[in-house]
Amino acid sequence: MKSNTSVSNGVQLLRVEKSYIGQRLDNFLIRHLKGVPRTRVYRLIRRGEVRVNKKRCKPDRKLELGDEVRIPPYTSSCSEQTVKPSQALQEFLINSILLENDDLLVINKPAGMAVHGGTSVAMGLIEALRQCKPEWGELELAHRIDRGTTGCLIISKNSMFLKYIQKQFKVKSVQKNYLVLVHGKWPESLIVVDAPLQKDPVGESERIVRVLKSGKPSLTRFAVKQHFKGASLIEAMPQTGRTHQIRVHCQYSGYGIVGDDKYTFKASNSALSKVKNLCLHAWKIEFELSEGAAPIRVEAPIPNHLNSLIKKLGKYL
């Protein structure tokens, strides 16, 4: 752990150094508290036993240089073994890299894999990637996409680039384009959904997002790619980065995403209602590698489950 540590009555006070600038509090703790189950780490944060600069914080709090992280006394479990990705999974993830340089990876995230381990996830994408190569041990997520979503995901190799790219997300200079298959005939005239979103917890690790006037401003642009019988392939371009934004904006507009078991309740096409994979794909991402550099665009191939479904629907036009 590259941070200054002091101990008082079993309490650890960790001083955040340069290499941890921009890291989320939960990630910082999970990597420091070896052998402590993730469920307990999140419970310590939720109960306020972990504090940053003597204040309660949420798990996604980004750490800054010089922050003092208070960790209460804890007992590690030797039986808690670090989950290791299989050789096949490691090879699959390495082959899913779309772009790599000294600062970053852009990976084509597979369906069904959470980007990060948590209360109910033993190992996420980032934990698996860190174990693929020795030099990837310090990888960090630059942003997140849903567990069921496939496609472009930026991973940072160092704190400097992490801080830079997160700033780009904050000032909205990163452009993201998604392919989405929805139920029904999406109107050509429906090109913008501007509806505030609020995140509500429904359990210890589950959350649902709703359109509420008191929520955070949220805007998504849309364009129709193709109409099918009972479905539409559309392009979504989120202008803000709220949790489940595209999924909820589609539902709110009356055209739920195919395969979305959380936000899609009714389907006119009974065959499509049986689809289990979320048909939401982070198709393209465009950003600057460094300040003032020409933007680059990375594109992720359409996943097999979505591609085959589109081809099948195309036969019935």
Protein backbone atom coordinates (compact mmCIF):
# COMPACT_ATOMS: atom_id res chain seq x y z
CA MET A 1 0.00 0.00 0.00
CA LYS A 2 1.56 3.20 -1.19
CA SER A 3 0.21 5.44 1.52
CA ASN A 4 1.42 6.60 4.92
CA THR A 5 -0.12 4.57 7.73
CA SER A 6 -0.51 5.21 11.45
CA VAL A 7 -2.31 3.04 14.01
CA SER A 8 -4.10 4.15 17.18
CA ASN A 9 -6.12 1.74 19.38
CA GLY A 10 -6.49 -0.61 16.42
CA VAL A 11 -7.68 2.17 14.14
CA GLN A 12 -5.66 2.77 10.97
CA LEU A 13 -5.25 6.24 9.50
CA LEU A 14 -4.10 6.07 5.89
CA ARG A 15 -2.78 9.17 4.14
CA VAL A 16 -3.52 9.08 0.41
CA GLU A 17 -0.48 9.55 -1.80
CA LYS A 18 -0.16 10.46 -5.46
CA SER A 19 -0.66 6.97 -6.90
CA TYR A 20 -4.16 6.78 -5.39
CA ILE A 21 -5.51 10.17 -6.53
CA GLY A 22 -8.92 9.71 -8.16
CA GLN A 23 -9.49 6.17 -6.86
CA ARG A 24 -12.92 5.36 -5.44
CA LEU A 25 -13.09 4.81 -1.69
CA ASP A 26 -14.58 1.31 -2.03
CA ASN A 27 -11.86 0.22 -4.46
CA PHE A 28 -9.17 1.63 -2.16
CA LEU A 29 -10.54 -0.29 0.83
CA ILE A 30 -11.12 -3.57 -1.03
CA ARG A 31 -7.48 -3.62 -2.15
CA HIS A 32 -6.21 -2.64 1.32
CA LEU A 33 -8.37 -4.90 3.50
CA LYS A 34 -7.08 -8.23 2.22
CA GLY A 35 -9.25 -11.15 3.32
CA VAL A 36 -12.20 -8.97 4.38
CA PRO A 37 -15.40 -9.89 2.47
CA ARG A 38 -16.67 -7.16 0.18
CA THR A 39 -20.05 -7.21 1.93
CA ARG A 40 -18.31 -6.21 5.14
CA VAL A 41 -16.31 -3.46 3.42
CA TYR A 42 -19.51 -1.85 2.13
CA ARG A 43 -21.15 -2.27 5.55
CA LEU A 44 -18.24 -0.43 7.21
CA ILE A 45 -18.70 2.46 4.77
CA ARG A 46 -22.49 2.51 5.12
CA ARG A 47 -22.32 2.59 8.93
CA GLY A 48 -19.82 5.44 8.94
CA GLU A 49 -17.04 3.39 10.53
CA VAL A 50 -14.81 4.32 7.59
CA ARG A 51 -14.27 8.07 7.32
CA VAL A 52 -12.38 10.39 5.01
CA ASN A 53 -11.03 13.52 6.71
CA LYS A 54 -13.28 12.64 9.69
CA LYS A 55 -16.44 12.70 7.56
CA ARG A 56 -18.80 9.96 6.43
CA CYS A 57 -18.52 9.21 2.72
CA LYS A 58 -20.21 7.15 0.03
CA PRO A 59 -18.42 4.22 -1.67
CA ASP A 60 -17.92 6.20 -4.89
CA ARG A 61 -16.14 9.11 -3.18
CA LYS A 62 -13.00 9.93 -5.24
CA LEU A 63 -9.86 10.20 -3.11
CA GLU A 64 -7.59 13.25 -3.27
CA LEU A 65 -3.95 13.80 -2.41
CA GLY A 66 -3.47 14.04 1.36
CA ASP A 67 -6.90 12.67 2.30
CA GLU A 68 -6.89 10.83 5.63
CA VAL A 69 -8.82 7.57 5.49
CA ARG A 70 -9.89 6.16 8.87
CA ILE A 71 -10.27 2.36 8.96
CA PRO A 72 -11.71 0.73 12.13
CA PRO A 73 -10.22 -2.42 13.68
CA TYR A 74 -11.03 -5.47 11.60
CA THR A 75 -10.25 -9.18 11.43
CA SER A 76 -9.29 -10.68 8.11
CA SER A 77 -10.41 -14.16 7.19
CA CYS A 78 -7.67 -16.45 5.99
CA SER A 79 -10.33 -18.63 4.42
CA GLU A 80 -11.39 -15.73 2.20
CA GLN A 81 -9.45 -16.59 -0.91
CA THR A 82 -8.89 -14.18 -3.76
CA VAL A 83 -10.96 -15.34 -6.71
CA LYS A 84 -8.73 -16.17 -9.66
CA PRO A 85 -9.94 -15.86 -13.25
CA SER A 86 -9.57 -19.04 -15.27
CA GLN A 87 -6.94 -19.20 -17.99
CA ALA A 88 -9.73 -19.26 -20.58
CA LEU A 89 -11.29 -16.10 -19.13
CA GLN A 90 -7.92 -14.34 -19.05
CA GLU A 91 -7.29 -15.17 -22.70
CA PHE A 92 -10.82 -14.08 -23.63
CA LEU A 93 -10.41 -10.71 -21.91
CA ILE A 94 -6.98 -10.09 -23.46
CA ASN A 95 -8.45 -10.88 -26.89
CA SER A 96 -11.27 -8.40 -26.16
CA ILE A 97 -8.86 -5.44 -25.98
CA LEU A 98 -9.80 -2.93 -28.68
CA LEU A 99 -7.04 -0.39 -27.96
CA GLU A 100 -3.98 -0.32 -25.69
CA ASN A 101 -1.17 2.12 -25.04
CA ASP A 102 0.99 3.11 -22.05
CA ASP A 103 -1.93 4.89 -20.35
CA LEU A 104 -5.05 2.90 -21.06
CA LEU A 105 -6.99 -0.07 -22.34
CA VAL A 106 -10.30 0.06 -24.16
CA ILE A 107 -11.99 -3.31 -23.80
CA ASN A 108 -15.08 -4.79 -25.42
CA LYS A 109 -16.88 -5.73 -22.20
CA PRO A 110 -18.74 -9.04 -22.40
CA ALA A 111 -22.40 -9.39 -21.45
CA GLY A 112 -23.21 -10.52 -17.92
CA MET A 113 -19.94 -9.46 -16.32
CA ALA A 114 -20.04 -6.68 -13.75
CA VAL A 115 -17.30 -4.10 -14.19
CA HIS A 116 -16.42 -4.34 -10.49
CA GLY A 117 -16.85 -6.84 -7.67
CA GLY A 118 -19.25 -5.83 -4.92
CA THR A 119 -21.77 -7.07 -2.39
CA SER A 120 -23.09 -9.88 -4.60
CA VAL A 121 -20.25 -10.15 -7.14
CA ALA A 122 -17.11 -12.07 -6.15
CA MET A 123 -15.04 -10.89 -9.09
CA GLY A 124 -15.70 -8.19 -11.64
CA LEU A 125 -14.00 -7.29 -14.89
CA ILE A 126 -11.42 -4.99 -13.29
CA GLU A 127 -10.35 -7.61 -10.71
CA ALA A 128 -9.98 -10.19 -13.46
CA LEU A 129 -7.95 -7.86 -15.69
CA ARG A 130 -5.55 -6.99 -12.86
CA GLN A 131 -4.62 -10.66 -12.68
CA CYS A 132 -4.14 -11.17 -16.43
CA LYS A 133 -0.69 -9.54 -16.56
CA PRO A 134 1.77 -8.47 -13.82
CA GLU A 135 1.95 -4.93 -15.24
CA TRP A 136 -1.84 -4.57 -15.04
CA GLY A 137 -1.95 -4.76 -11.25
CA GLU A 138 -2.83 -1.07 -10.85
CA LEU A 139 -5.61 -0.88 -13.46
CA GLU A 140 -8.61 1.30 -12.56
CA LEU A 141 -12.01 1.85 -14.16
CA ALA A 142 -12.32 5.22 -15.89
CA HIS A 143 -16.13 4.86 -16.01
CA ARG A 144 -18.78 2.14 -15.68
CA ILE A 145 -21.39 0.41 -17.80
CA ASP A 146 -24.14 -1.93 -16.63
CA ARG A 147 -23.52 -5.61 -16.05
CA GLY A 148 -25.73 -6.66 -18.98
CA THR A 149 -24.35 -4.01 -21.34
CA THR A 150 -21.63 -4.92 -23.82
CA GLY A 151 -19.06 -2.77 -25.58
CA CYS A 152 -16.48 -0.03 -25.11
CA LEU A 153 -15.09 0.48 -21.62
CA ILE A 154 -12.02 2.60 -20.82
CA ILE A 155 -9.55 1.25 -18.24
CA SER A 156 -6.78 3.47 -16.88
CA LYS A 157 -3.23 2.18 -16.31
CA ASN A 158 -2.06 5.05 -14.09
CA SER A 159 -3.43 7.75 -11.80
CA MET A 160 -2.39 10.58 -14.12
CA PHE A 161 -4.47 9.34 -17.04
CA LEU A 162 -7.32 8.36 -14.68
CA LYS A 163 -7.53 11.93 -13.41
CA TYR A 164 -7.33 13.29 -16.97
CA ILE A 165 -10.02 11.06 -18.50
CA GLN A 166 -12.39 11.50 -15.56
CA LYS A 167 -12.12 15.25 -16.08
CA GLN A 168 -13.03 14.70 -19.75
CA PHE A 169 -16.14 12.80 -18.67
CA LYS A 170 -17.01 15.56 -16.22
CA VAL A 171 -16.84 18.33 -18.86
CA LYS A 172 -18.74 16.07 -21.31
CA SER A 173 -16.03 15.93 -23.96
CA VAL A 174 -16.21 12.11 -24.22
CA GLN A 175 -18.73 11.05 -26.86
CA LYS A 176 -20.54 7.74 -26.40
CA ASN A 177 -22.80 6.05 -28.96
CA TYR A 178 -24.90 3.01 -28.08
CA LEU A 179 -26.88 0.59 -30.22
CA VAL A 180 -30.22 -0.32 -28.63
CA LEU A 181 -32.94 -2.76 -29.67
CA VAL A 182 -36.30 -1.66 -28.26
CA HIS A 183 -39.83 -3.00 -28.35
CA GLY A 184 -42.25 -1.21 -30.69
CA LYS A 185 -41.84 1.35 -33.46
CA TRP A 186 -39.67 4.17 -32.14
CA PRO A 187 -40.91 7.46 -33.75
CA GLU A 188 -38.49 9.17 -36.12
CA SER A 189 -39.45 12.46 -34.44
CA LEU A 190 -38.37 11.29 -30.97
CA ILE A 191 -34.78 12.53 -31.04
CA VAL A 192 -34.30 13.85 -27.49
CA VAL A 193 -35.42 12.66 -24.07
CA ASP A 194 -34.81 15.25 -21.36
CA ALA A 195 -36.06 13.74 -18.09
CA PRO A 196 -34.44 14.05 -14.63
CA LEU A 197 -33.47 10.79 -12.95
CA GLN A 198 -33.32 9.76 -9.31
CA LYS A 199 -31.65 6.64 -7.95
CA ASP A 200 -33.56 4.79 -5.23
CA PRO A 201 -32.21 1.83 -3.23
CA VAL A 202 -34.55 -1.18 -3.06
CA GLY A 203 -32.21 -3.44 -1.09
CA GLU A 204 -28.70 -3.66 0.29
CA SER A 205 -27.11 -3.96 -3.14
CA GLU A 206 -29.95 -3.23 -5.58
CA ARG A 207 -31.14 0.10 -6.92
CA ILE A 208 -33.76 1.32 -9.31
CA VAL A 209 -33.80 4.59 -11.22
CA ARG A 210 -36.95 6.64 -11.79
CA VAL A 211 -37.91 9.78 -13.67
CA LEU A 212 -38.65 12.41 -11.02
CA LYS A 213 -38.76 16.21 -11.15
CA SER A 214 -36.46 16.30 -8.12
CA GLY A 215 -33.88 14.06 -9.83
CA LYS A 216 -30.63 14.99 -11.54
CA PRO A 217 -30.79 16.55 -15.05
CA SER A 218 -30.49 13.78 -17.64
CA LEU A 219 -30.54 14.04 -21.42
CA THR A 220 -30.21 11.42 -24.15
CA ARG A 221 -30.29 11.95 -27.91
CA PHE A 222 -31.72 9.23 -30.15
CA ALA A 223 -31.77 8.32 -33.85
CA VAL A 224 -33.60 5.47 -35.58
CA LYS A 225 -31.36 3.00 -37.40
CA GLN A 226 -33.98 0.48 -38.59
CA HIS A 227 -37.56 -0.54 -37.93
CA PHE A 228 -38.61 -4.19 -37.66
CA LYS A 229 -41.90 -5.92 -36.97
CA GLY A 230 -42.53 -5.14 -33.31
CA ALA A 231 -39.08 -3.67 -32.65
CA SER A 232 -36.67 -0.87 -33.57
CA LEU A 233 -32.90 -0.62 -33.67
CA ILE A 234 -31.94 2.84 -32.46
CA GLU A 235 -28.77 4.76 -31.64
CA ALA A 236 -28.56 6.42 -28.22
CA MET A 237 -26.15 9.23 -27.41
CA PRO A 238 -26.25 10.08 -23.68
CA GLN A 239 -25.27 13.67 -22.93
CA THR A 240 -25.16 12.99 -19.19
CA GLY A 241 -23.91 9.89 -17.39
CA ARG A 242 -26.62 8.82 -14.95
CA THR A 243 -27.02 5.24 -13.74
CA HIS A 244 -29.31 3.23 -16.08
CA GLN A 245 -29.95 6.44 -18.06
CA ILE A 246 -30.61 4.92 -21.50
CA ARG A 247 -32.66 2.09 -20.05
CA VAL A 248 -34.94 4.41 -18.07
CA HIS A 249 -35.26 7.01 -20.84
CA CYS A 250 -36.34 4.25 -23.24
CA GLN A 251 -38.87 2.93 -20.73
CA TYR A 252 -40.13 6.46 -20.00
CA SER A 253 -40.68 7.03 -23.74
CA GLY A 254 -42.78 3.87 -23.97
CA TYR A 255 -40.23 1.68 -25.78
CA GLY A 256 -38.49 -0.62 -23.31
CA ILE A 257 -35.21 -2.28 -24.24
CA VAL A 258 -35.42 -5.90 -25.37
CA GLY A 259 -34.01 -8.22 -22.69
CA ASP A 260 -34.22 -5.63 -19.89
CA ASP A 261 -35.85 -7.52 -17.02
CA LYS A 262 -35.69 -4.52 -14.68
CA TYR A 263 -37.32 -1.78 -16.75
CA THR A 264 -39.25 -3.52 -19.56
CA PHE A 265 -42.63 -4.75 -18.37
CA LYS A 266 -44.73 -5.43 -21.47
CA ALA A 267 -43.86 -6.47 -25.01
CA SER A 268 -46.12 -6.59 -28.06
CA ASN A 269 -43.83 -9.17 -29.66
CA SER A 270 -44.10 -12.30 -27.50
CA ALA A 271 -40.96 -13.86 -29.04
CA LEU A 272 -38.88 -10.82 -28.10
CA SER A 273 -40.24 -10.90 -24.54
CA LYS A 274 -38.37 -14.18 -24.06
CA VAL A 275 -34.95 -12.68 -24.90
CA LYS A 276 -32.70 -12.88 -21.82
CA ASN A 277 -29.71 -10.76 -22.91
CA LEU A 278 -29.94 -6.99 -22.51
CA CYS A 279 -29.86 -5.55 -26.03
CA LEU A 280 -27.78 -2.49 -25.16
CA HIS A 281 -24.31 -2.16 -26.69
CA ALA A 282 -21.71 0.57 -26.07
CA TRP A 283 -20.93 0.74 -29.77
CA LYS A 284 -18.50 3.66 -30.09
CA ILE A 285 -16.54 5.95 -27.81
CA GLU A 286 -14.61 9.05 -28.84
CA PHE A 287 -12.13 10.95 -26.68
CA GLU A 288 -8.76 12.74 -26.68
CA LEU A 289 -5.74 10.74 -25.57
CA SER A 290 -4.17 13.94 -24.22
CA GLU A 291 -5.01 17.63 -23.92
CA GLY A 292 -5.36 19.17 -27.38
CA ALA A 293 -4.77 15.91 -29.28
CA ALA A 294 -7.04 14.93 -32.16
CA PRO A 295 -9.96 12.79 -30.91
CA ILE A 296 -9.82 9.07 -31.54
CA ARG A 297 -12.83 6.82 -31.99
CA VAL A 298 -12.95 3.21 -30.84
CA GLU A 299 -15.69 0.88 -32.07
CA ALA A 300 -16.77 -2.43 -30.52
CA PRO A 301 -18.16 -5.16 -32.79
CA ILE A 302 -21.84 -5.93 -32.24
CA PRO A 303 -22.11 -8.95 -29.89
CA ASN A 304 -23.33 -12.24 -31.32
CA HIS A 305 -26.61 -12.32 -29.37
CA LEU A 306 -27.66 -8.89 -30.67
CA ASN A 307 -26.33 -9.39 -34.19
CA SER A 308 -28.17 -12.69 -34.66
CA LEU A 309 -31.39 -11.19 -33.29
CA ILE A 310 -31.18 -8.24 -35.70
CA LYS A 311 -30.62 -10.62 -38.64
CA LYS A 312 -33.57 -12.75 -37.55
CA LEU A 313 -35.85 -9.73 -37.28
CA GLY A 314 -34.65 -8.50 -40.68
CA LYS A 315 -36.11 -11.58 -42.36
CA TYR A 316 -39.62 -10.52 -41.39
CA LEU A 317 -39.55 -6.96 -42.77
